[in-house]
N, C-alpha and C. Protein backbone atom coordinates (compact mmCIF):
# COMPACT_ATOMS: atom_id res chain seq x y z
N MET A 1 0.77 -41.29 10.76
CA MET A 1 1.76 -40.65 11.61
C MET A 1 2.34 -39.44 10.88
N GLY A 2 3.13 -38.72 11.59
CA GLY A 2 3.76 -37.54 11.04
C GLY A 2 4.41 -36.74 12.14
N TYR A 3 4.52 -35.47 11.90
CA TYR A 3 5.16 -34.57 12.85
C TYR A 3 4.38 -33.26 12.86
N CYS A 4 4.02 -32.78 14.04
CA CYS A 4 3.26 -31.53 14.13
C CYS A 4 3.63 -30.78 15.40
N LEU A 5 4.02 -29.52 15.24
CA LEU A 5 4.34 -28.67 16.37
C LEU A 5 3.06 -28.11 17.00
N ASN A 6 3.11 -27.87 18.28
CA ASN A 6 1.98 -27.27 18.99
C ASN A 6 2.17 -25.75 19.01
N VAL A 7 1.84 -25.12 17.89
CA VAL A 7 2.05 -23.69 17.68
C VAL A 7 0.78 -22.93 18.06
N PRO A 8 0.88 -21.86 18.85
CA PRO A 8 -0.31 -21.06 19.18
C PRO A 8 -0.96 -20.50 17.91
N PHE A 9 -2.28 -20.63 17.80
CA PHE A 9 -2.99 -20.12 16.63
C PHE A 9 -3.42 -18.68 16.86
N VAL A 10 -3.21 -17.83 15.85
CA VAL A 10 -3.64 -16.43 15.87
C VAL A 10 -4.48 -16.19 14.61
N THR A 11 -5.66 -15.63 14.80
CA THR A 11 -6.55 -15.38 13.67
C THR A 11 -6.46 -13.93 13.21
N GLN A 12 -6.90 -13.70 11.99
CA GLN A 12 -7.06 -12.33 11.50
C GLN A 12 -8.55 -11.99 11.41
N LEU A 13 -9.40 -12.95 11.71
CA LEU A 13 -10.85 -12.77 11.61
C LEU A 13 -11.49 -12.97 12.98
N GLY A 14 -12.46 -12.16 13.31
CA GLY A 14 -13.15 -12.30 14.59
C GLY A 14 -12.26 -11.99 15.78
N ILE A 15 -11.35 -11.04 15.60
CA ILE A 15 -10.41 -10.68 16.66
C ILE A 15 -11.19 -10.12 17.85
N GLY A 16 -10.93 -10.66 19.01
CA GLY A 16 -11.60 -10.21 20.23
C GLY A 16 -12.86 -10.99 20.56
N SER A 17 -13.20 -11.97 19.74
CA SER A 17 -14.45 -12.71 19.98
C SER A 17 -14.42 -13.54 21.26
N HIS A 18 -13.24 -13.75 21.81
CA HIS A 18 -13.12 -14.52 23.05
C HIS A 18 -13.40 -13.67 24.30
N VAL A 19 -13.58 -12.36 24.11
CA VAL A 19 -13.81 -11.45 25.24
C VAL A 19 -15.29 -11.07 25.27
N LYS A 20 -15.94 -11.37 26.39
CA LYS A 20 -17.36 -11.07 26.52
C LYS A 20 -17.60 -9.56 26.42
N GLY A 21 -18.60 -9.18 25.63
CA GLY A 21 -18.98 -7.78 25.49
C GLY A 21 -18.18 -7.02 24.44
N VAL A 22 -17.23 -7.67 23.79
CA VAL A 22 -16.43 -7.00 22.76
C VAL A 22 -16.97 -7.39 21.39
N ASN A 23 -17.14 -6.40 20.52
CA ASN A 23 -17.54 -6.69 19.15
C ASN A 23 -16.31 -7.14 18.38
N PRO A 24 -16.28 -8.39 17.92
CA PRO A 24 -15.11 -8.87 17.20
C PRO A 24 -14.92 -8.11 15.89
N ILE A 25 -13.67 -7.98 15.49
CA ILE A 25 -13.34 -7.30 14.24
C ILE A 25 -12.54 -8.24 13.34
N ASP A 26 -12.62 -7.98 12.06
CA ASP A 26 -11.81 -8.70 11.08
C ASP A 26 -10.71 -7.78 10.59
N ASP A 27 -9.55 -8.34 10.33
CA ASP A 27 -8.45 -7.61 9.71
C ASP A 27 -8.18 -8.32 8.39
N PRO A 28 -8.93 -7.97 7.33
CA PRO A 28 -8.92 -8.75 6.09
C PRO A 28 -7.56 -8.87 5.42
N THR A 29 -6.65 -7.95 5.66
CA THR A 29 -5.31 -8.05 5.07
C THR A 29 -4.24 -8.20 6.14
N GLY A 30 -4.61 -8.72 7.29
CA GLY A 30 -3.66 -8.88 8.39
C GLY A 30 -3.09 -10.28 8.53
N CYS A 31 -3.16 -11.09 7.47
CA CYS A 31 -2.66 -12.46 7.54
C CYS A 31 -1.17 -12.51 7.85
N TRP A 32 -0.41 -11.59 7.29
CA TRP A 32 1.04 -11.60 7.51
C TRP A 32 1.37 -11.29 8.97
N TYR A 33 0.61 -10.38 9.58
CA TYR A 33 0.87 -10.05 10.98
C TYR A 33 0.47 -11.21 11.88
N ALA A 34 -0.70 -11.82 11.63
CA ALA A 34 -1.13 -12.97 12.42
C ALA A 34 -0.12 -14.11 12.29
N SER A 35 0.41 -14.32 11.09
CA SER A 35 1.38 -15.39 10.88
C SER A 35 2.69 -15.10 11.60
N ALA A 36 3.15 -13.86 11.55
CA ALA A 36 4.37 -13.50 12.29
C ALA A 36 4.16 -13.68 13.79
N CYS A 37 2.96 -13.37 14.27
CA CYS A 37 2.65 -13.58 15.69
C CYS A 37 2.73 -15.05 16.05
N MET A 38 2.20 -15.93 15.20
CA MET A 38 2.23 -17.36 15.51
C MET A 38 3.67 -17.86 15.64
N VAL A 39 4.54 -17.44 14.72
CA VAL A 39 5.94 -17.85 14.82
C VAL A 39 6.55 -17.28 16.10
N GLY A 40 6.35 -16.00 16.35
CA GLY A 40 6.92 -15.35 17.53
C GLY A 40 6.44 -15.94 18.84
N TYR A 41 5.13 -16.18 18.95
CA TYR A 41 4.57 -16.72 20.19
C TYR A 41 5.04 -18.15 20.45
N SER A 42 5.57 -18.81 19.44
CA SER A 42 6.13 -20.15 19.64
C SER A 42 7.42 -20.11 20.44
N PHE A 43 8.04 -18.93 20.49
CA PHE A 43 9.32 -18.79 21.16
C PHE A 43 9.26 -17.95 22.42
N GLU A 44 8.33 -16.99 22.46
CA GLU A 44 8.25 -16.10 23.61
C GLU A 44 6.89 -15.42 23.65
N ALA A 45 6.53 -14.94 24.82
CA ALA A 45 5.28 -14.19 24.96
C ALA A 45 5.41 -12.84 24.25
N GLY A 46 4.30 -12.23 23.97
CA GLY A 46 4.29 -10.93 23.29
C GLY A 46 4.67 -9.81 24.20
N PRO A 47 4.47 -8.58 23.83
CA PRO A 47 3.79 -8.21 22.59
C PRO A 47 4.72 -8.33 21.39
N ARG A 48 4.14 -8.45 20.23
CA ARG A 48 4.89 -8.51 18.98
C ARG A 48 5.11 -7.08 18.50
N LEU A 49 6.17 -6.87 17.75
CA LEU A 49 6.47 -5.53 17.22
C LEU A 49 5.79 -5.30 15.87
N GLY A 50 5.87 -6.28 14.99
CA GLY A 50 5.22 -6.16 13.69
C GLY A 50 5.69 -4.94 12.92
N VAL A 51 4.79 -4.36 12.16
CA VAL A 51 5.06 -3.15 11.38
C VAL A 51 3.88 -2.21 11.61
N PRO A 52 3.86 -1.50 12.75
CA PRO A 52 2.70 -0.65 13.04
C PRO A 52 2.48 0.43 11.99
N GLU A 53 3.50 0.75 11.22
CA GLU A 53 3.33 1.74 10.15
C GLU A 53 2.28 1.28 9.14
N LEU A 54 2.08 -0.03 9.04
CA LEU A 54 1.09 -0.57 8.11
C LEU A 54 -0.28 -0.77 8.76
N TYR A 55 -0.40 -0.45 10.05
CA TYR A 55 -1.68 -0.59 10.74
C TYR A 55 -2.42 0.75 10.70
N THR A 56 -2.67 1.21 9.48
CA THR A 56 -3.34 2.50 9.28
C THR A 56 -4.44 2.42 8.23
N LEU A 57 -4.83 1.20 7.86
CA LEU A 57 -5.87 1.01 6.85
C LEU A 57 -7.24 1.25 7.47
N PRO A 58 -7.96 2.30 7.04
CA PRO A 58 -9.29 2.55 7.59
C PRO A 58 -10.26 1.45 7.14
N LEU A 59 -10.81 0.70 8.09
CA LEU A 59 -11.75 -0.38 7.76
C LEU A 59 -13.20 0.05 7.92
N LYS A 60 -13.47 0.86 8.93
CA LYS A 60 -14.84 1.34 9.18
C LYS A 60 -14.80 2.82 9.50
N GLN A 61 -15.76 3.55 8.93
CA GLN A 61 -15.89 4.98 9.20
C GLN A 61 -17.34 5.29 9.54
N ASN A 62 -17.53 6.34 10.32
CA ASN A 62 -18.91 6.76 10.59
C ASN A 62 -19.38 7.68 9.47
N ALA A 63 -20.60 8.18 9.59
CA ALA A 63 -21.20 9.02 8.55
C ALA A 63 -20.40 10.30 8.30
N LYS A 64 -19.69 10.77 9.31
CA LYS A 64 -18.90 11.99 9.17
C LYS A 64 -17.48 11.72 8.68
N GLY A 65 -17.18 10.46 8.40
CA GLY A 65 -15.86 10.13 7.89
C GLY A 65 -14.82 9.82 8.95
N LYS A 66 -15.22 9.84 10.22
CA LYS A 66 -14.28 9.51 11.29
C LYS A 66 -14.00 8.01 11.26
N VAL A 67 -12.72 7.66 11.30
CA VAL A 67 -12.34 6.26 11.27
C VAL A 67 -12.67 5.61 12.61
N LEU A 68 -13.41 4.52 12.56
CA LEU A 68 -13.80 3.80 13.76
C LEU A 68 -12.95 2.55 13.99
N GLN A 69 -12.37 2.04 12.93
CA GLN A 69 -11.57 0.83 13.05
C GLN A 69 -10.47 0.83 12.00
N TYR A 70 -9.28 0.46 12.43
CA TYR A 70 -8.14 0.34 11.53
C TYR A 70 -7.76 -1.12 11.37
N GLY A 71 -7.05 -1.42 10.31
CA GLY A 71 -6.50 -2.74 10.06
C GLY A 71 -5.15 -2.60 9.38
N HIS A 72 -4.59 -3.72 8.97
CA HIS A 72 -3.28 -3.72 8.33
C HIS A 72 -3.40 -3.56 6.82
N TYR A 73 -2.47 -2.79 6.25
CA TYR A 73 -2.29 -2.80 4.81
C TYR A 73 -1.60 -4.10 4.43
N VAL A 74 -1.71 -4.50 3.18
CA VAL A 74 -0.99 -5.65 2.68
C VAL A 74 0.50 -5.37 2.79
N ILE A 75 1.27 -6.38 3.19
CA ILE A 75 2.72 -6.19 3.25
C ILE A 75 3.29 -6.55 1.89
N ASN A 76 4.35 -5.86 1.50
CA ASN A 76 5.01 -6.16 0.24
C ASN A 76 6.51 -6.35 0.48
N THR A 77 7.24 -6.64 -0.57
CA THR A 77 8.67 -6.94 -0.41
C THR A 77 9.45 -5.76 0.16
N ALA A 78 8.99 -4.54 -0.05
CA ALA A 78 9.71 -3.38 0.50
C ALA A 78 9.65 -3.34 2.02
N TRP A 79 8.58 -3.85 2.61
CA TRP A 79 8.42 -3.85 4.07
C TRP A 79 8.94 -5.11 4.74
N MET A 80 9.25 -6.14 3.97
CA MET A 80 9.69 -7.41 4.57
C MET A 80 10.97 -7.26 5.40
N PRO A 81 11.98 -6.49 4.98
CA PRO A 81 13.15 -6.34 5.85
C PRO A 81 12.81 -5.77 7.23
N THR A 82 11.84 -4.86 7.28
CA THR A 82 11.42 -4.29 8.56
C THR A 82 10.76 -5.35 9.43
N LEU A 83 9.84 -6.12 8.84
CA LEU A 83 9.18 -7.20 9.58
C LEU A 83 10.22 -8.21 10.07
N LYS A 84 11.13 -8.60 9.20
CA LYS A 84 12.15 -9.59 9.58
C LYS A 84 12.99 -9.09 10.75
N ALA A 85 13.44 -7.86 10.68
CA ALA A 85 14.29 -7.32 11.75
C ALA A 85 13.53 -7.22 13.07
N ARG A 86 12.32 -6.72 13.04
CA ARG A 86 11.56 -6.52 14.28
C ARG A 86 11.08 -7.83 14.91
N GLU A 87 10.81 -8.81 14.08
CA GLU A 87 10.28 -10.08 14.59
C GLU A 87 11.33 -11.20 14.63
N GLN A 88 12.58 -10.85 14.39
CA GLN A 88 13.69 -11.82 14.43
C GLN A 88 13.44 -12.99 13.48
N LEU A 89 13.12 -12.67 12.24
CA LEU A 89 12.86 -13.67 11.21
C LEU A 89 13.97 -13.65 10.17
N VAL A 90 14.26 -14.81 9.61
CA VAL A 90 15.24 -14.92 8.54
C VAL A 90 14.66 -15.79 7.43
N ASP A 91 15.24 -15.65 6.24
CA ASP A 91 14.79 -16.45 5.11
C ASP A 91 15.09 -17.93 5.32
N VAL A 92 14.20 -18.76 4.86
CA VAL A 92 14.42 -20.20 4.82
C VAL A 92 15.02 -20.51 3.45
N ASP A 93 16.01 -21.39 3.42
CA ASP A 93 16.54 -21.84 2.13
C ASP A 93 15.48 -22.68 1.43
N GLU A 94 14.91 -22.11 0.38
CA GLU A 94 13.87 -22.82 -0.36
C GLU A 94 14.51 -23.86 -1.27
N PRO A 95 13.83 -24.95 -1.55
CA PRO A 95 14.38 -25.94 -2.48
C PRO A 95 14.55 -25.33 -3.87
N THR A 96 15.68 -25.62 -4.51
CA THR A 96 15.96 -25.01 -5.81
C THR A 96 14.96 -25.43 -6.88
N ASN A 97 14.38 -26.61 -6.73
CA ASN A 97 13.38 -27.07 -7.71
C ASN A 97 11.97 -26.60 -7.36
N GLN A 98 11.85 -25.79 -6.33
CA GLN A 98 10.56 -25.25 -5.86
C GLN A 98 9.56 -26.35 -5.52
N GLU A 99 10.08 -27.40 -4.89
CA GLU A 99 9.22 -28.49 -4.44
C GLU A 99 9.72 -28.98 -3.09
N TRP A 100 8.98 -28.64 -2.04
CA TRP A 100 9.31 -29.19 -0.73
C TRP A 100 9.02 -30.69 -0.74
N THR A 101 9.83 -31.44 0.00
CA THR A 101 9.51 -32.83 0.27
C THR A 101 9.04 -32.91 1.72
N ALA A 102 8.35 -33.98 2.05
CA ALA A 102 7.90 -34.16 3.43
C ALA A 102 9.09 -34.20 4.37
N LYS A 103 10.14 -34.91 3.97
CA LYS A 103 11.33 -35.02 4.82
C LYS A 103 11.98 -33.66 5.04
N ALA A 104 12.12 -32.88 3.98
CA ALA A 104 12.76 -31.56 4.12
C ALA A 104 11.95 -30.65 5.04
N LEU A 105 10.63 -30.67 4.91
CA LEU A 105 9.79 -29.85 5.79
C LEU A 105 9.90 -30.30 7.25
N ILE A 106 9.84 -31.60 7.47
CA ILE A 106 9.95 -32.11 8.84
C ILE A 106 11.30 -31.74 9.43
N ASP A 107 12.37 -31.89 8.65
CA ASP A 107 13.71 -31.52 9.13
C ASP A 107 13.76 -30.04 9.52
N GLU A 108 13.19 -29.19 8.68
CA GLU A 108 13.17 -27.74 8.95
C GLU A 108 12.37 -27.44 10.21
N LEU A 109 11.21 -28.06 10.35
CA LEU A 109 10.37 -27.85 11.53
C LEU A 109 11.07 -28.32 12.80
N LYS A 110 11.72 -29.46 12.74
CA LYS A 110 12.42 -29.99 13.91
C LYS A 110 13.60 -29.09 14.30
N LYS A 111 14.31 -28.60 13.30
CA LYS A 111 15.49 -27.77 13.57
C LYS A 111 15.14 -26.36 14.01
N TYR A 112 14.17 -25.74 13.34
CA TYR A 112 13.95 -24.30 13.52
C TYR A 112 12.56 -23.89 13.99
N GLY A 113 11.61 -24.81 14.02
CA GLY A 113 10.27 -24.43 14.44
C GLY A 113 9.38 -24.08 13.26
N PRO A 114 8.26 -23.41 13.52
CA PRO A 114 7.25 -23.13 12.49
C PRO A 114 7.79 -22.25 11.36
N ILE A 115 7.18 -22.41 10.18
CA ILE A 115 7.63 -21.71 8.97
C ILE A 115 6.53 -20.78 8.47
N PHE A 116 6.82 -19.49 8.43
CA PHE A 116 5.96 -18.46 7.84
C PHE A 116 6.13 -18.58 6.32
N PHE A 117 5.03 -18.57 5.57
CA PHE A 117 5.18 -18.64 4.11
C PHE A 117 4.06 -17.87 3.42
N GLY A 118 4.36 -17.42 2.21
CA GLY A 118 3.37 -16.77 1.37
C GLY A 118 2.88 -17.73 0.29
N TRP A 119 1.60 -17.64 -0.03
CA TRP A 119 1.04 -18.52 -1.05
C TRP A 119 -0.15 -17.85 -1.72
N LEU A 120 -0.57 -18.42 -2.84
CA LEU A 120 -1.75 -17.94 -3.54
C LEU A 120 -2.93 -18.80 -3.13
N LYS A 121 -3.94 -18.16 -2.62
CA LYS A 121 -5.12 -18.85 -2.10
C LYS A 121 -6.33 -18.38 -2.88
N THR A 122 -7.26 -19.30 -3.13
CA THR A 122 -8.51 -18.96 -3.81
C THR A 122 -9.66 -19.20 -2.84
N HIS A 123 -10.50 -18.18 -2.68
CA HIS A 123 -11.67 -18.27 -1.81
C HIS A 123 -12.81 -17.52 -2.49
N ASN A 124 -13.96 -18.16 -2.59
CA ASN A 124 -15.12 -17.56 -3.25
C ASN A 124 -14.79 -17.05 -4.64
N GLY A 125 -13.97 -17.80 -5.37
CA GLY A 125 -13.63 -17.45 -6.74
C GLY A 125 -12.56 -16.38 -6.89
N GLN A 126 -12.03 -15.87 -5.80
CA GLN A 126 -11.01 -14.82 -5.84
C GLN A 126 -9.66 -15.41 -5.41
N THR A 127 -8.62 -15.17 -6.20
CA THR A 127 -7.27 -15.61 -5.85
C THR A 127 -6.48 -14.41 -5.36
N TYR A 128 -5.77 -14.59 -4.26
CA TYR A 128 -5.03 -13.50 -3.65
C TYR A 128 -3.81 -14.04 -2.92
N GLY A 129 -2.83 -13.16 -2.70
CA GLY A 129 -1.67 -13.53 -1.90
C GLY A 129 -2.07 -13.64 -0.44
N HIS A 130 -1.50 -14.61 0.24
CA HIS A 130 -1.90 -14.89 1.62
C HIS A 130 -0.68 -15.40 2.38
N ALA A 131 -0.65 -15.20 3.68
CA ALA A 131 0.42 -15.73 4.53
C ALA A 131 -0.18 -16.69 5.54
N SER A 132 0.53 -17.76 5.81
CA SER A 132 0.13 -18.77 6.79
C SER A 132 1.40 -19.34 7.41
N VAL A 133 1.24 -20.35 8.27
CA VAL A 133 2.37 -20.94 8.98
C VAL A 133 2.32 -22.46 8.85
N ILE A 134 3.42 -23.04 8.39
CA ILE A 134 3.54 -24.50 8.34
C ILE A 134 3.90 -24.98 9.73
N VAL A 135 3.09 -25.92 10.27
CA VAL A 135 3.32 -26.43 11.62
C VAL A 135 3.56 -27.94 11.65
N GLY A 136 3.33 -28.64 10.53
CA GLY A 136 3.54 -30.07 10.56
C GLY A 136 3.35 -30.73 9.21
N VAL A 137 3.60 -32.05 9.21
CA VAL A 137 3.41 -32.89 8.03
C VAL A 137 2.74 -34.18 8.48
N LYS A 138 1.70 -34.57 7.76
CA LYS A 138 0.96 -35.79 8.08
C LYS A 138 1.21 -36.82 6.99
N ASN A 139 1.36 -38.07 7.38
CA ASN A 139 1.60 -39.18 6.44
C ASN A 139 2.81 -38.92 5.54
N PRO A 140 3.98 -38.65 6.14
CA PRO A 140 5.15 -38.30 5.33
C PRO A 140 5.60 -39.39 4.36
N GLY A 141 5.28 -40.65 4.63
CA GLY A 141 5.69 -41.74 3.75
C GLY A 141 4.71 -42.03 2.63
N ALA A 142 3.58 -41.34 2.62
CA ALA A 142 2.56 -41.57 1.60
C ALA A 142 2.98 -40.97 0.26
N LYS A 143 2.28 -41.37 -0.80
CA LYS A 143 2.57 -40.84 -2.14
C LYS A 143 2.43 -39.32 -2.16
N ASN A 144 1.38 -38.82 -1.52
CA ASN A 144 1.19 -37.37 -1.45
C ASN A 144 0.83 -36.99 -0.01
N PRO A 145 1.84 -36.70 0.81
CA PRO A 145 1.58 -36.35 2.21
C PRO A 145 0.84 -35.02 2.32
N GLN A 146 0.27 -34.78 3.49
CA GLN A 146 -0.42 -33.51 3.75
C GLN A 146 0.48 -32.63 4.61
N VAL A 147 0.44 -31.35 4.30
CA VAL A 147 1.13 -30.34 5.11
C VAL A 147 0.08 -29.74 6.03
N ILE A 148 0.44 -29.58 7.29
CA ILE A 148 -0.48 -29.01 8.28
C ILE A 148 -0.10 -27.55 8.47
N ILE A 149 -1.06 -26.68 8.22
CA ILE A 149 -0.78 -25.24 8.34
C ILE A 149 -1.78 -24.59 9.29
N HIS A 150 -1.35 -23.50 9.86
CA HIS A 150 -2.25 -22.59 10.57
C HIS A 150 -2.56 -21.46 9.59
N ASP A 151 -3.77 -21.46 9.06
CA ASP A 151 -4.23 -20.41 8.16
C ASP A 151 -4.98 -19.39 9.01
N PRO A 152 -4.51 -18.14 9.10
CA PRO A 152 -5.15 -17.16 9.99
C PRO A 152 -6.58 -16.80 9.61
N GLU A 153 -7.08 -17.33 8.51
CA GLU A 153 -8.50 -17.15 8.18
C GLU A 153 -9.32 -18.23 8.90
N ASN A 154 -9.07 -18.36 10.20
CA ASN A 154 -9.78 -19.27 11.10
C ASN A 154 -9.70 -20.73 10.69
N ARG A 155 -8.52 -21.16 10.25
CA ARG A 155 -8.33 -22.56 9.91
C ARG A 155 -7.05 -23.10 10.58
N PRO A 156 -7.08 -23.32 11.89
CA PRO A 156 -5.92 -23.94 12.53
C PRO A 156 -5.83 -25.41 12.14
N PHE A 157 -4.63 -25.91 12.05
CA PHE A 157 -4.36 -27.32 11.72
C PHE A 157 -5.06 -27.73 10.42
N PHE A 158 -5.08 -26.83 9.45
CA PHE A 158 -5.66 -27.11 8.13
C PHE A 158 -4.68 -28.00 7.35
N GLU A 159 -5.20 -29.00 6.68
CA GLU A 159 -4.36 -29.92 5.92
C GLU A 159 -4.52 -29.67 4.43
N ILE A 160 -3.38 -29.62 3.73
CA ILE A 160 -3.35 -29.44 2.29
C ILE A 160 -2.33 -30.41 1.71
N ASP A 161 -2.63 -30.99 0.56
CA ASP A 161 -1.69 -31.90 -0.07
C ASP A 161 -0.38 -31.18 -0.37
N LEU A 162 0.73 -31.84 -0.10
CA LEU A 162 2.04 -31.24 -0.33
C LEU A 162 2.21 -30.81 -1.78
N GLN A 163 1.78 -31.64 -2.72
CA GLN A 163 1.90 -31.31 -4.13
C GLN A 163 1.12 -30.03 -4.46
N GLU A 164 -0.08 -29.90 -3.93
CA GLU A 164 -0.89 -28.70 -4.16
C GLU A 164 -0.24 -27.47 -3.53
N LEU A 165 0.27 -27.63 -2.31
CA LEU A 165 0.91 -26.50 -1.65
C LEU A 165 2.13 -26.03 -2.43
N ASN A 166 2.93 -26.97 -2.93
CA ASN A 166 4.11 -26.60 -3.72
C ASN A 166 3.74 -25.74 -4.93
N GLN A 167 2.58 -26.00 -5.51
CA GLN A 167 2.12 -25.22 -6.66
C GLN A 167 1.63 -23.83 -6.27
N LYS A 168 1.24 -23.65 -5.01
CA LYS A 168 0.65 -22.38 -4.57
C LYS A 168 1.62 -21.46 -3.82
N ILE A 169 2.74 -22.00 -3.38
CA ILE A 169 3.70 -21.17 -2.64
C ILE A 169 4.23 -20.07 -3.55
N ILE A 170 4.42 -18.89 -2.99
CA ILE A 170 5.04 -17.77 -3.71
C ILE A 170 6.55 -17.91 -3.50
N TRP A 171 7.23 -18.45 -4.49
CA TRP A 171 8.65 -18.80 -4.38
C TRP A 171 9.55 -17.61 -4.70
N GLY A 172 10.70 -17.56 -4.05
CA GLY A 172 11.79 -16.69 -4.44
C GLY A 172 11.67 -15.21 -4.17
N VAL A 173 10.75 -14.80 -3.30
CA VAL A 173 10.61 -13.36 -3.04
C VAL A 173 10.81 -13.02 -1.56
N GLY A 174 11.35 -13.96 -0.80
CA GLY A 174 11.65 -13.67 0.61
C GLY A 174 10.45 -13.75 1.52
N PHE A 175 9.44 -14.55 1.14
CA PHE A 175 8.25 -14.70 1.99
C PHE A 175 8.22 -16.04 2.71
N THR A 176 9.33 -16.80 2.68
CA THR A 176 9.41 -18.06 3.42
C THR A 176 10.40 -17.83 4.55
N LEU A 177 9.89 -17.78 5.79
CA LEU A 177 10.69 -17.31 6.92
C LEU A 177 10.62 -18.26 8.11
N ARG A 178 11.63 -18.18 8.95
CA ARG A 178 11.66 -18.89 10.23
C ARG A 178 12.25 -17.96 11.26
N ARG A 179 12.22 -18.36 12.51
CA ARG A 179 12.81 -17.58 13.59
C ARG A 179 14.33 -17.58 13.43
N ALA A 180 14.95 -16.43 13.61
CA ALA A 180 16.41 -16.33 13.54
C ALA A 180 17.03 -17.11 14.69
N GLY A 181 18.23 -17.58 14.50
CA GLY A 181 18.94 -18.27 15.57
C GLY A 181 19.42 -19.64 15.14
N ASN A 182 20.10 -20.28 16.06
CA ASN A 182 20.68 -21.59 15.80
C ASN A 182 19.61 -22.68 15.76
N ALA A 183 19.99 -23.79 15.17
CA ALA A 183 19.10 -24.95 15.14
C ALA A 183 18.82 -25.41 16.56
N TYR A 184 17.65 -25.94 16.73
CA TYR A 184 17.20 -26.54 17.99
C TYR A 184 17.13 -25.54 19.15
N GLN A 185 16.95 -24.26 18.86
CA GLN A 185 16.83 -23.26 19.91
C GLN A 185 15.44 -23.26 20.53
N HIS A 186 14.49 -23.81 19.83
CA HIS A 186 13.10 -23.78 20.30
C HIS A 186 12.81 -24.99 21.18
N ASN A 187 11.80 -24.86 21.97
CA ASN A 187 11.35 -25.95 22.82
C ASN A 187 9.85 -26.07 22.67
N ILE A 188 9.42 -26.24 21.42
CA ILE A 188 8.00 -26.30 21.11
C ILE A 188 7.56 -27.76 21.19
N SER A 189 6.55 -28.03 21.96
CA SER A 189 6.07 -29.40 22.06
C SER A 189 5.36 -29.79 20.78
N THR A 190 5.26 -31.07 20.56
CA THR A 190 4.52 -31.56 19.40
C THR A 190 3.11 -31.92 19.81
N LYS A 191 2.22 -31.83 18.87
CA LYS A 191 0.80 -32.07 19.12
C LYS A 191 0.54 -33.56 19.18
């Protein structure tokens, strides 16, 4: 048992693949935008505002140098206030010992909805900063419960051990966010 919100999943890879005749595109550094969309879409329909100033990264060019496809630049702490203001996000009070408990995460999810967070992820031997969304906790009474996240690298409802996640979260830099507003303002169904 556990607790899991039914949060809409948004990917940063294969964007447009659901539309017949469209060549899907990847936005390799668009995890933060996809994650902000997931939180936002949990409360209201789009469009999302994001930070279009960062949507200027040339991803594909033709032989003459004309840009054929753009993507997002990596977001940094200097741009976070802009993202927070435009997407109605506020900081989550992180645990002072930098260790979430299953109970604390479930309480936060029940009160405020999904949690945007930054973490260090390793894929194909490369470690990089990444953004995802916490949507639930599985087996909260177990010795090591699992946290359920929507990872915009095409991994909805991905499960990771709470202890492992606590070691990978980027703590103390304002990358742990929730929707602004009072507790219990959301009406997100559980899965």
